[in-house]
């Protein structure tokens, strides 16, 4: 239980300090610190990410820093994609899922290293691209159990044509929608297989994520975001290599 609490605190810290990336840590924490089976770790991560994102979005909603049209434009196809991704996962082994997950970690590391969120230049609304991107991000979310914030935020700004100030809050709601749909599908699939979810661990992870998020908001004003992003990028590469050696090879 101590490992779960520590892992959840780190996830909350990363989410609040970087705006994305925290959810990509959830699966490794559940796999290696808690000791869950890969299938249950992926499914449980969706529940945890959905809950933390939902609560984190409340402040943005109150401040009217959410673009509701984009929530639905990106989120509805995203939910369909997440359901599809979870269904597709039943035809692949957990090693394949983790291999895709490692690939996403490396992509996330590159994006964290090379770009700051503030560098994204607002583009024009490209409706077809937004719908397609929402669907694809949803498939990824359902297949490997990550929220996909590091993909959603730049897509909203570059393809959706919204301001960066609205992208973070909008992204949190989209992550909530996608992750919730993915968990519903996984719960049905895994329950039919007789697998049991560890609800106490899930609850502890959610609570720890909230506490970590509050602490991260305090620390953000003292630590430079650019440096944090590069440190996290290196950490993602190290973690990707660890998962590869421990669970894939």
Foldseek 3Di string as FASTA:
>chain_A
DVLLLVLLLVLLLCCQQQLDDSLLSQLVSCCPVVNDDLLLSLLLSLVLLLLLLVVVLPVCVVVVLADVVLLCLLQVLLLVLLLVLLVVLVVDDSLVLLLVSLVVLLVLLVCLQPDRLVPQAAADADSVQSNVLSNVQSNNCLNRRGLCLSPQQSCCRHHVRDDSSNSSSSSSSSSNSSSVSSSVNSVVVVVVVVDDHPVVSSVSSNVSSVVSNVVSNVCSVVDDSSVVSNVVSVVSNVVSVVCCVPPHD
